[in-house]
Amino acid sequence: MVAHTYAYLSDTHFEPGTYVLFAALCGAASYIAVPAVQRLAIPEASPTLPLAASLGLTFSYNVTIGIPVYIEIAKVIGSWFPGT
């Protein structure tokens, strides 16, 4: 929605893959940042479980299920914005 709004307001045309990539990067931000922040916030906690969960579960989900879902969402939201 953010990328479509930006494209609409700036009168810019993006390819559908741009919207999907933006969604994937937004979805990936949490599993990239959380282990590092958790390590700083709770130094005595083991970083292995959050890192394994981030890479093993979230990344796998994002690649196998998330990206196809993002493609469909980009199509639906794209129909709301004429000319994007």
PDB file of N, CA and C in Angstrom:
ATOM      1  N   MET A   1       0.833  -1.184   0.000  1.00  0.00           N
ATOM      2  CA  MET A   1       0.000   0.000   0.000  1.00  0.00           C
ATOM      3  C   MET A   1       0.884   1.256   0.000  1.00  0.00           C
ATOM      4  N   VAL A   2       1.950   1.249   0.777  1.00  0.00           N
ATOM      5  CA  VAL A   2       2.848   2.400   0.861  1.00  0.00           C
ATOM      6  C   VAL A   2       3.518   2.652  -0.487  1.00  0.00           C
ATOM      7  N   ALA A   3       4.022   1.608  -1.109  1.00  0.00           N
ATOM      8  CA  ALA A   3       4.701   1.761  -2.398  1.00  0.00           C
ATOM      9  C   ALA A   3       3.731   2.219  -3.480  1.00  0.00           C
ATOM     10  N   HIS A   4       2.521   1.700  -3.477  1.00  0.00           N
ATOM     11  CA  HIS A   4       1.521   2.126  -4.455  1.00  0.00           C
ATOM     12  C   HIS A   4       1.140   3.591  -4.240  1.00  0.00           C
ATOM     13  N   THR A   5       0.992   3.987  -2.989  1.00  0.00           N
ATOM     14  CA  THR A   5       0.664   5.380  -2.687  1.00  0.00           C
ATOM     15  C   THR A   5       1.788   6.304  -3.143  1.00  0.00           C
ATOM     16  N   TYR A   6       3.028   5.894  -2.870  1.00  0.00           N
ATOM     17  CA  TYR A   6       4.172   6.689  -3.311  1.00  0.00           C
ATOM     18  C   TYR A   6       4.193   6.825  -4.838  1.00  0.00           C
ATOM     19  N   ALA A   7       3.993   5.731  -5.524  1.00  0.00           N
ATOM     20  CA  ALA A   7       3.999   5.758  -6.996  1.00  0.00           C
ATOM     21  C   ALA A   7       2.884   6.650  -7.519  1.00  0.00           C
ATOM     22  N   TYR A   8       1.732   6.567  -6.898  1.00  0.00           N
ATOM     23  CA  TYR A   8       0.593   7.377  -7.334  1.00  0.00           C
ATOM     24  C   TYR A   8       0.849   8.870  -7.099  1.00  0.00           C
ATOM     25  N   LEU A   9       1.311   9.214  -5.903  1.00  0.00           N
ATOM     26  CA  LEU A   9       1.531  10.613  -5.566  1.00  0.00           C
ATOM     27  C   LEU A   9       2.698  11.241  -6.330  1.00  0.00           C
ATOM     28  N   SER A  10       3.707  10.441  -6.631  1.00  0.00           N
ATOM     29  CA  SER A  10       4.864  10.971  -7.352  1.00  0.00           C
ATOM     30  C   SER A  10       4.740  10.802  -8.867  1.00  0.00           C
ATOM     31  N   ASP A  11       3.610  10.278  -9.306  1.00  0.00           N
ATOM     32  CA  ASP A  11       3.354  10.034 -10.728  1.00  0.00           C
ATOM     33  C   ASP A  11       4.479   9.203 -11.348  1.00  0.00           C
ATOM     34  N   THR A  12       4.851   8.156 -10.636  1.00  0.00           N
ATOM     35  CA  THR A  12       5.911   7.251 -11.060  1.00  0.00           C
ATOM     36  C   THR A  12       5.305   5.907 -11.414  1.00  0.00           C
ATOM     37  N   HIS A  13       5.857   5.262 -12.421  1.00  0.00           N
ATOM     38  CA  HIS A  13       5.386   3.926 -12.786  1.00  0.00           C
ATOM     39  C   HIS A  13       6.427   2.897 -12.355  1.00  0.00           C
ATOM     40  N   PHE A  14       6.018   1.983 -11.516  1.00  0.00           N
ATOM     41  CA  PHE A  14       6.885   0.886 -11.094  1.00  0.00           C
ATOM     42  C   PHE A  14       6.367  -0.403 -11.725  1.00  0.00           C
ATOM     43  N   GLU A  15       7.287  -1.298 -11.998  1.00  0.00           N
ATOM     44  CA  GLU A  15       6.911  -2.636 -12.446  1.00  0.00           C
ATOM     45  C   GLU A  15       6.335  -3.395 -11.249  1.00  0.00           C
ATOM     46  N   PRO A  16       5.491  -4.402 -11.486  1.00  0.00           N
ATOM     47  CA  PRO A  16       4.908  -5.155 -10.369  1.00  0.00           C
ATOM     48  C   PRO A  16       5.948  -5.759  -9.428  1.00  0.00           C
ATOM     49  N   GLY A  17       7.096  -6.148  -9.959  1.00  0.00           N
ATOM     50  CA  GLY A  17       8.135  -6.727  -9.117  1.00  0.00           C
ATOM     51  C   GLY A  17       8.675  -5.763  -8.081  1.00  0.00           C
ATOM     52  N   THR A  18       8.611  -4.474  -8.361  1.00  0.00           N
ATOM     53  CA  THR A  18       9.066  -3.469  -7.402  1.00  0.00           C
ATOM     54  C   THR A  18       8.204  -3.500  -6.152  1.00  0.00           C
ATOM     55  N   TYR A  19       6.912  -3.612  -6.338  1.00  0.00           N
ATOM     56  CA  TYR A  19       5.997  -3.673  -5.195  1.00  0.00           C
ATOM     57  C   TYR A  19       6.221  -4.947  -4.388  1.00  0.00           C
ATOM     58  N   VAL A  20       6.451  -6.038  -5.088  1.00  0.00           N
ATOM     59  CA  VAL A  20       6.686  -7.321  -4.415  1.00  0.00           C
ATOM     60  C   VAL A  20       7.998  -7.273  -3.634  1.00  0.00           C
ATOM     61  N   LEU A  21       9.039  -6.717  -4.252  1.00  0.00           N
ATOM     62  CA  LEU A  21      10.326  -6.599  -3.569  1.00  0.00           C
ATOM     63  C   LEU A  21      10.206  -5.709  -2.341  1.00  0.00           C
ATOM     64  N   PHE A  22       9.491  -4.605  -2.448  1.00  0.00           N
ATOM     65  CA  PHE A  22       9.282  -3.719  -1.304  1.00  0.00           C
ATOM     66  C   PHE A  22       8.583  -4.471  -0.174  1.00  0.00           C
ATOM     67  N   ALA A  23       7.553  -5.237  -0.511  1.00  0.00           N
ATOM     68  CA  ALA A  23       6.826  -6.007   0.512  1.00  0.00           C
ATOM     69  C   ALA A  23       7.723  -7.066   1.146  1.00  0.00           C
ATOM     70  N   ALA A  24       8.524  -7.743   0.329  1.00  0.00           N
ATOM     71  CA  ALA A  24       9.423  -8.772   0.865  1.00  0.00           C
ATOM     72  C   ALA A  24      10.468  -8.160   1.784  1.00  0.00           C
ATOM     73  N   LEU A  25      11.010  -7.010   1.407  1.00  0.00           N
ATOM     74  CA  LEU A  25      11.997  -6.355   2.262  1.00  0.00           C
ATOM     75  C   LEU A  25      11.379  -5.857   3.563  1.00  0.00           C
ATOM     76  N   CYS A  26      10.160  -5.349   3.496  1.00  0.00           N
ATOM     77  CA  CYS A  26       9.479  -4.945   4.730  1.00  0.00           C
ATOM     78  C   CYS A  26       9.207  -6.152   5.620  1.00  0.00           C
ATOM     79  N   GLY A  27       8.821  -7.265   5.007  1.00  0.00           N
ATOM     80  CA  GLY A  27       8.589  -8.477   5.773  1.00  0.00           C
ATOM     81  C   GLY A  27       9.866  -9.051   6.355  1.00  0.00           C
ATOM     82  N   ALA A  28      10.994  -8.819   5.683  1.00  0.00           N
ATOM     83  CA  ALA A  28      12.275  -9.360   6.137  1.00  0.00           C
ATOM     84  C   ALA A  28      12.913  -8.512   7.226  1.00  0.00           C
ATOM     85  N   ALA A  29      12.494  -7.277   7.356  1.00  0.00           N
ATOM     86  CA  ALA A  29      13.144  -6.375   8.314  1.00  0.00           C
ATOM     87  C   ALA A  29      13.099  -6.920   9.733  1.00  0.00           C
ATOM     88  N   SER A  30      12.020  -7.555  10.105  1.00  0.00           N
ATOM     89  CA  SER A  30      11.907  -8.038  11.480  1.00  0.00           C
ATOM     90  C   SER A  30      12.858  -9.192  11.764  1.00  0.00           C
ATOM     91  N   TYR A  31      12.998 -10.124  10.840  1.00  0.00           N
ATOM     92  CA  TYR A  31      13.867 -11.249  11.161  1.00  0.00           C
ATOM     93  C   TYR A  31      15.332 -10.935  10.956  1.00  0.00           C
ATOM     94  N   ILE A  32      15.644  -9.812  10.367  1.00  0.00           N
ATOM     95  CA  ILE A  32      17.031  -9.377  10.287  1.00  0.00           C
ATOM     96  C   ILE A  32      17.411  -8.606  11.551  1.00  0.00           C
ATOM     97  N   ALA A  33      16.527  -7.747  12.016  1.00  0.00           N
ATOM     98  CA  ALA A  33      16.846  -6.851  13.126  1.00  0.00           C
ATOM     99  C   ALA A  33      16.645  -7.467  14.504  1.00  0.00           C
ATOM    100  N   VAL A  34      15.658  -8.328  14.650  1.00  0.00           N
ATOM    101  CA  VAL A  34      15.304  -8.818  15.984  1.00  0.00           C
ATOM    102  C   VAL A  34      16.442  -9.557  16.691  1.00  0.00           C
ATOM    103  N   PRO A  35      17.155 -10.480  16.052  1.00  0.00           N
ATOM    104  CA  PRO A  35      18.232 -11.145  16.798  1.00  0.00           C
ATOM    105  C   PRO A  35      19.303 -10.173  17.305  1.00  0.00           C
ATOM    106  N   ALA A  36      19.626  -9.167  16.518  1.00  0.00           N
ATOM    107  CA  ALA A  36      20.634  -8.195  16.963  1.00  0.00           C
ATOM    108  C   ALA A  36      20.113  -7.353  18.116  1.00  0.00           C
ATOM    109  N   VAL A  37      18.884  -6.911  18.018  1.00  0.00           N
ATOM    110  CA  VAL A  37      18.298  -6.107  19.095  1.00  0.00           C
ATOM    111  C   VAL A  37      18.124  -6.949  20.346  1.00  0.00           C
ATOM    112  N   GLN A  38      17.705  -8.179  20.178  1.00  0.00           N
ATOM    113  CA  GLN A  38      17.531  -9.076  21.327  1.00  0.00           C
ATOM    114  C   GLN A  38      18.855  -9.308  22.023  1.00  0.00           C
ATOM    115  N   ARG A  39      19.909  -9.415  21.264  1.00  0.00           N
ATOM    116  CA  ARG A  39      21.245  -9.632  21.833  1.00  0.00           C
ATOM    117  C   ARG A  39      21.673  -8.427  22.670  1.00  0.00           C
ATOM    118  N   LEU A  40      21.331  -7.230  22.227  1.00  0.00           N
ATOM    119  CA  LEU A  40      21.666  -6.021  22.985  1.00  0.00           C
ATOM    120  C   LEU A  40      20.756  -5.852  24.201  1.00  0.00           C
ATOM    121  N   ALA A  41      19.483  -6.156  24.041  1.00  0.00           N
ATOM    122  CA  ALA A  41      18.525  -5.953  25.127  1.00  0.00           C
ATOM    123  C   ALA A  41      18.670  -6.978  26.237  1.00  0.00           C
ATOM    124  N   ILE A  42      18.977  -8.213  25.866  1.00  0.00           N
ATOM    125  CA  ILE A  42      19.096  -9.294  26.854  1.00  0.00           C
ATOM    126  C   ILE A  42      20.415 -10.016  26.600  1.00  0.00           C
ATOM    127  N   PRO A  43      21.525  -9.469  27.078  1.00  0.00           N
ATOM    128  CA  PRO A  43      22.830 -10.050  26.757  1.00  0.00           C
ATOM    129  C   PRO A  43      23.017 -11.480  27.250  1.00  0.00           C
ATOM    130  N   GLU A  44      22.343 -11.852  28.314  1.00  0.00           N
ATOM    131  CA  GLU A  44      22.518 -13.207  28.835  1.00  0.00           C
ATOM    132  C   GLU A  44      21.717 -14.259  28.070  1.00  0.00           C
ATOM    133  N   ALA A  45      20.832 -13.821  27.193  1.00  0.00           N
ATOM    134  CA  ALA A  45      20.026 -14.760  26.405  1.00  0.00           C
ATOM    135  C   ALA A  45      20.862 -15.339  25.265  1.00  0.00           C
ATOM    136  N   SER A  46      20.592 -16.566  24.945  1.00  0.00           N
ATOM    137  CA  SER A  46      21.285 -17.226  23.851  1.00  0.00           C
ATOM    138  C   SER A  46      20.730 -16.723  22.506  1.00  0.00           C
ATOM    139  N   PRO A  47      21.595 -16.333  21.588  1.00  0.00           N
ATOM    140  CA  PRO A  47      21.106 -15.838  20.294  1.00  0.00           C
ATOM    141  C   PRO A  47      20.735 -16.945  19.316  1.00  0.00           C
ATOM    142  N   THR A  48      21.009 -18.194  19.659  1.00  0.00           N
ATOM    143  CA  THR A  48      20.811 -19.270  18.688  1.00  0.00           C
ATOM    144  C   THR A  48      19.343 -19.521  18.352  1.00  0.00           C
ATOM    145  N   LEU A  49      18.481 -19.557  19.349  1.00  0.00           N
ATOM    146  CA  LEU A  49      17.070 -19.847  19.068  1.00  0.00           C
ATOM    147  C   LEU A  49      16.414 -18.739  18.245  1.00  0.00           C
ATOM    148  N   PRO A  50      16.552 -17.461  18.624  1.00  0.00           N
ATOM    149  CA  PRO A  50      15.941 -16.431  17.773  1.00  0.00           C
ATOM    150  C   PRO A  50      16.530 -16.399  16.363  1.00  0.00           C
ATOM    151  N   LEU A  51      17.819 -16.635  16.241  1.00  0.00           N
ATOM    152  CA  LEU A  51      18.438 -16.626  14.919  1.00  0.00           C
ATOM    153  C   LEU A  51      17.959 -17.814  14.088  1.00  0.00           C
ATOM    154  N   ALA A  52      17.875 -18.981  14.716  1.00  0.00           N
ATOM    155  CA  ALA A  52      17.383 -20.165  14.009  1.00  0.00           C
ATOM    156  C   ALA A  52      15.920 -19.986  13.603  1.00  0.00           C
ATOM    157  N   ALA A  53      15.122 -19.426  14.496  1.00  0.00           N
ATOM    158  CA  ALA A  53      13.715 -19.192  14.165  1.00  0.00           C
ATOM    159  C   ALA A  53      13.589 -18.165  13.046  1.00  0.00           C
ATOM    160  N   SER A  54      14.411 -17.134  13.105  1.00  0.00           N
ATOM    161  CA  SER A  54      14.362 -16.091  12.077  1.00  0.00           C
ATOM    162  C   SER A  54      14.705 -16.651  10.715  1.00  0.00           C
ATOM    163  N   LEU A  55      15.813 -17.325  10.629  1.00  0.00           N
ATOM    164  CA  LEU A  55      16.274 -17.821   9.332  1.00  0.00           C
ATOM    165  C   LEU A  55      15.549 -19.085   8.905  1.00  0.00           C
ATOM    166  N   GLY A  56      15.317 -19.974   9.844  1.00  0.00           N
ATOM    167  CA  GLY A  56      14.709 -21.258   9.497  1.00  0.00           C
ATOM    168  C   GLY A  56      13.222 -21.194   9.242  1.00  0.00           C
ATOM    169  N   LEU A  57      12.520 -20.388  10.006  1.00  0.00           N
ATOM    170  CA  LEU A  57      11.067 -20.337   9.871  1.00  0.00           C
ATOM    171  C   LEU A  57      10.591 -19.136   9.061  1.00  0.00           C
ATOM    172  N   THR A  58      10.940 -17.961   9.521  1.00  0.00           N
ATOM    173  CA  THR A  58      10.410 -16.749   8.895  1.00  0.00           C
ATOM    174  C   THR A  58      10.918 -16.579   7.477  1.00  0.00           C
ATOM    175  N   PHE A  59      12.207 -16.761   7.255  1.00  0.00           N
ATOM    176  CA  PHE A  59      12.765 -16.609   5.916  1.00  0.00           C
ATOM    177  C   PHE A  59      12.151 -17.635   4.969  1.00  0.00           C
ATOM    178  N   SER A  60      12.066 -18.874   5.416  1.00  0.00           N
ATOM    179  CA  SER A  60      11.478 -19.931   4.572  1.00  0.00           C
ATOM    180  C   SER A  60      10.028 -19.620   4.227  1.00  0.00           C
ATOM    181  N   TYR A  61       9.288 -19.166   5.214  1.00  0.00           N
ATOM    182  CA  TYR A  61       7.887 -18.802   4.980  1.00  0.00           C
ATOM    183  C   TYR A  61       7.787 -17.643   3.994  1.00  0.00           C
ATOM    184  N   ASN A  62       8.630 -16.637   4.199  1.00  0.00           N
ATOM    185  CA  ASN A  62       8.586 -15.462   3.345  1.00  0.00           C
ATOM    186  C   ASN A  62       8.889 -15.823   1.892  1.00  0.00           C
ATOM    187  N   VAL A  63       9.826 -16.704   1.670  1.00  0.00           N
ATOM    188  CA  VAL A  63      10.205 -17.079   0.305  1.00  0.00           C
ATOM    189  C   VAL A  63       9.163 -17.990  -0.333  1.00  0.00           C
ATOM    190  N   THR A  64       8.667 -18.981   0.395  1.00  0.00           N
ATOM    191  CA  THR A  64       7.764 -19.963  -0.213  1.00  0.00           C
ATOM    192  C   THR A  64       6.314 -19.511  -0.275  1.00  0.00           C
ATOM    193  N   ILE A  65       5.853 -18.849   0.758  1.00  0.00           N
ATOM    194  CA  ILE A  65       4.442 -18.451   0.816  1.00  0.00           C
ATOM    195  C   ILE A  65       4.286 -16.942   0.694  1.00  0.00           C
ATOM    196  N   GLY A  66       5.165 -16.204   1.340  1.00  0.00           N
ATOM    197  CA  GLY A  66       5.040 -14.750   1.382  1.00  0.00           C
ATOM    198  C   GLY A  66       5.096 -14.095   0.019  1.00  0.00           C
ATOM    199  N   ILE A  67       6.082 -14.430  -0.796  1.00  0.00           N
ATOM    200  CA  ILE A  67       6.241 -13.759  -2.093  1.00  0.00           C
ATOM    201  C   ILE A  67       5.037 -13.989  -3.010  1.00  0.00           C
ATOM    202  N   PRO A  68       4.520 -15.207  -3.144  1.00  0.00           N
ATOM    203  CA  PRO A  68       3.297 -15.356  -3.955  1.00  0.00           C
ATOM    204  C   PRO A  68       2.110 -14.555  -3.400  1.00  0.00           C
ATOM    205  N   VAL A  69       2.017 -14.485  -2.084  1.00  0.00           N
ATOM    206  CA  VAL A  69       0.948 -13.682  -1.477  1.00  0.00           C
ATOM    207  C   VAL A  69       1.166 -12.205  -1.771  1.00  0.00           C
ATOM    208  N   TYR A  70       2.421 -11.744  -1.676  1.00  0.00           N
ATOM    209  CA  TYR A  70       2.735 -10.342  -1.976  1.00  0.00           C
ATOM    210  C   TYR A  70       2.400 -10.006  -3.429  1.00  0.00           C
ATOM    211  N   ILE A  71       2.619 -10.943  -4.333  1.00  0.00           N
ATOM    212  CA  ILE A  71       2.285 -10.715  -5.742  1.00  0.00           C
ATOM    213  C   ILE A  71       0.783 -10.485  -5.899  1.00  0.00           C
ATOM    214  N   GLU A  72      -0.008 -11.320  -5.260  1.00  0.00           N
ATOM    215  CA  GLU A  72      -1.462 -11.167  -5.351  1.00  0.00           C
ATOM    216  C   GLU A  72      -1.933  -9.879  -4.696  1.00  0.00           C
ATOM    217  N   ILE A  73      -1.344  -9.533  -3.563  1.00  0.00           N
ATOM    218  CA  ILE A  73      -1.711  -8.284  -2.890  1.00  0.00           C
ATOM    219  C   ILE A  73      -1.350  -7.092  -3.774  1.00  0.00           C
ATOM    220  N   ALA A  74      -0.174  -7.137  -4.407  1.00  0.00           N
ATOM    221  CA  ALA A  74       0.243  -6.041  -5.296  1.00  0.00           C
ATOM    222  C   ALA A  74      -0.736  -5.893  -6.459  1.00  0.00           C
ATOM    223  N   LYS A  75      -1.239  -6.997  -6.977  1.00  0.00           N
ATOM    224  CA  LYS A  75      -2.216  -6.929  -8.069  1.00  0.00           C
ATOM    225  C   LYS A  75      -3.517  -6.278  -7.611  1.00  0.00           C
ATOM    226  N   VAL A  76      -3.985  -6.692  -6.446  1.00  0.00           N
ATOM    227  CA  VAL A  76      -5.251  -6.158  -5.931  1.00  0.00           C
ATOM    228  C   VAL A  76      -5.111  -4.671  -5.632  1.00  0.00           C
ATOM    229  N   ILE A  77      -4.067  -4.315  -4.904  1.00  0.00           N
ATOM    230  CA  ILE A  77      -3.891  -2.908  -4.543  1.00  0.00           C
ATOM    231  C   ILE A  77      -3.594  -2.077  -5.785  1.00  0.00           C
ATOM    232  N   GLY A  78      -2.884  -2.641  -6.751  1.00  0.00           N
ATOM    233  CA  GLY A  78      -2.612  -1.933  -7.991  1.00  0.00           C
ATOM    234  C   GLY A  78      -3.869  -1.554  -8.744  1.00  0.00           C
ATOM    235  N   SER A  79      -4.899  -2.362  -8.611  1.00  0.00           N
ATOM    236  CA  SER A  79      -6.164  -2.048  -9.298  1.00  0.00           C
ATOM    237  C   SER A  79      -6.873  -0.863  -8.654  1.00  0.00           C
ATOM    238  N   TRP A  80      -6.505  -0.543  -7.416  1.00  0.00           N
ATOM    239  CA  TRP A  80      -7.109   0.607  -6.721  1.00  0.00           C
ATOM    240  C   TRP A  80      -6.515   1.930  -7.186  1.00  0.00           C
ATOM    241  N   PHE A  81      -5.290   1.890  -7.720  1.00  0.00           N
ATOM    242  CA  PHE A  81      -4.573   3.096  -8.123  1.00  0.00           C
ATOM    243  C   PHE A  81      -4.473   3.125  -9.656  1.00  0.00           C
ATOM    244  N   PRO A  82      -5.242   3.957 -10.301  1.00  0.00           N
ATOM    245  CA  PRO A  82      -5.159   4.010 -11.762  1.00  0.00           C
ATOM    246  C   PRO A  82      -3.810   4.552 -12.224  1.00  0.00           C
ATOM    247  N   GLY A  83      -3.247   3.902 -13.224  1.00  0.00           N
ATOM    248  CA  GLY A  83      -2.007   4.377 -13.811  1.00  0.00           C
ATOM    249  C   GLY A  83      -0.737   3.937 -13.103  1.00  0.00           C
ATOM    250  N   THR A  84      -0.829   3.083 -12.082  1.00  0.00           N
ATOM    251  CA  THR A  84       0.402   2.610 -11.428  1.00  0.00           C
ATOM    252  C   THR A  84       0.716   1.213 -11.883  1.00  0.00           C
TER     253      THR A  84
END
